[in-house]
Amino acid sequence: MDQHLALAWHVEIFARMKRLPPLAKVLGRSAQTQMTSRQSNDEILAAMRSWAAVQNAKMEGEAPCSEP
């Protein structure tokens, strides 16, 4: 609930602004931080394999879809 309130508050504040600040400033990140926090290809691949395993496990319990 707190996250929803914070989101609504920020949406309203941004709606009232005539000019939006740069995204990096809003997020509190510098250009250097963005460059150093990038994921490697191996990290992305590991995350996708983990996500796919979870999705496959969820689908194993469901009935297969029939093709028309």
Protein backbone atom coordinates (compact mmCIF):
# COMPACT_ATOMS: atom_id res chain seq x y z
CA MET A 1 0.00 0.00 0.00
CA ASP A 2 2.85 2.39 0.83
CA GLN A 3 4.38 1.84 -2.62
CA HIS A 4 1.07 2.74 -4.27
CA LEU A 5 0.83 5.93 -2.26
CA ALA A 6 4.40 6.90 -3.09
CA LEU A 7 3.76 6.20 -6.78
CA ALA A 8 0.57 8.29 -6.78
CA TRP A 9 2.37 11.14 -5.02
CA HIS A 10 5.21 11.15 -7.55
CA VAL A 11 2.85 10.92 -10.53
CA GLU A 12 0.94 13.96 -9.29
CA ILE A 13 4.12 15.94 -8.61
CA PHE A 14 5.44 15.22 -12.10
CA ALA A 15 2.07 16.10 -13.62
CA ARG A 16 2.26 19.56 -12.01
CA MET A 17 5.80 20.29 -13.23
CA LYS A 18 6.19 22.41 -16.34
CA ARG A 19 9.51 20.78 -17.20
CA LEU A 20 10.65 17.37 -16.04
CA PRO A 21 14.15 16.98 -14.58
CA PRO A 22 16.58 14.57 -16.25
CA LEU A 23 15.81 10.94 -15.43
CA ALA A 24 19.28 10.35 -13.96
CA LYS A 25 18.69 13.15 -11.47
CA VAL A 26 15.27 11.77 -10.51
CA LEU A 27 16.71 8.30 -10.00
CA GLY A 28 19.69 9.69 -8.11
CA ARG A 29 22.18 8.10 -10.46
CA SER A 30 25.16 9.55 -12.19
CA ALA A 31 26.38 8.53 -15.64
CA GLN A 32 29.33 6.75 -14.00
CA THR A 33 27.01 4.69 -11.78
CA GLN A 34 24.96 3.61 -14.78
CA MET A 35 28.05 2.40 -16.60
CA THR A 36 29.42 0.42 -13.67
CA SER A 37 26.15 -1.28 -12.76
CA ARG A 38 25.57 -3.01 -16.10
CA GLN A 39 25.00 -6.76 -16.11
CA SER A 40 27.32 -9.01 -18.03
CA ASN A 41 25.97 -11.31 -20.74
CA ASP A 42 26.49 -14.30 -18.44
CA GLU A 43 24.46 -12.65 -15.65
CA ILE A 44 21.61 -11.87 -18.05
CA LEU A 45 21.66 -15.41 -19.42
CA ALA A 46 21.59 -16.89 -15.90
CA ALA A 47 18.64 -14.67 -14.95
CA MET A 48 16.72 -15.66 -18.08
CA ARG A 49 17.38 -19.37 -17.49
CA SER A 50 16.14 -19.01 -13.92
CA TRP A 51 13.00 -17.18 -15.09
CA ALA A 52 12.37 -19.81 -17.79
CA ALA A 53 12.70 -22.61 -15.24
CA VAL A 54 10.10 -20.95 -13.00
CA GLN A 55 7.73 -20.41 -15.93
CA ASN A 56 8.15 -24.01 -17.11
CA ALA A 57 7.45 -25.29 -13.60
CA LYS A 58 4.25 -23.22 -13.48
CA MET A 59 3.11 -24.55 -16.85
CA GLU A 60 3.70 -28.20 -15.93
CA GLY A 61 0.69 -28.05 -13.64
CA GLU A 62 -1.60 -26.63 -16.33
CA ALA A 63 -3.50 -28.55 -18.99
CA PRO A 64 -1.89 -28.35 -22.43
CA CYS A 65 -3.49 -25.99 -24.92
CA SER A 66 -5.12 -27.59 -27.91
CA GLU A 67 -4.29 -26.24 -31.36
CA PRO A 68 -7.24 -25.35 -33.65
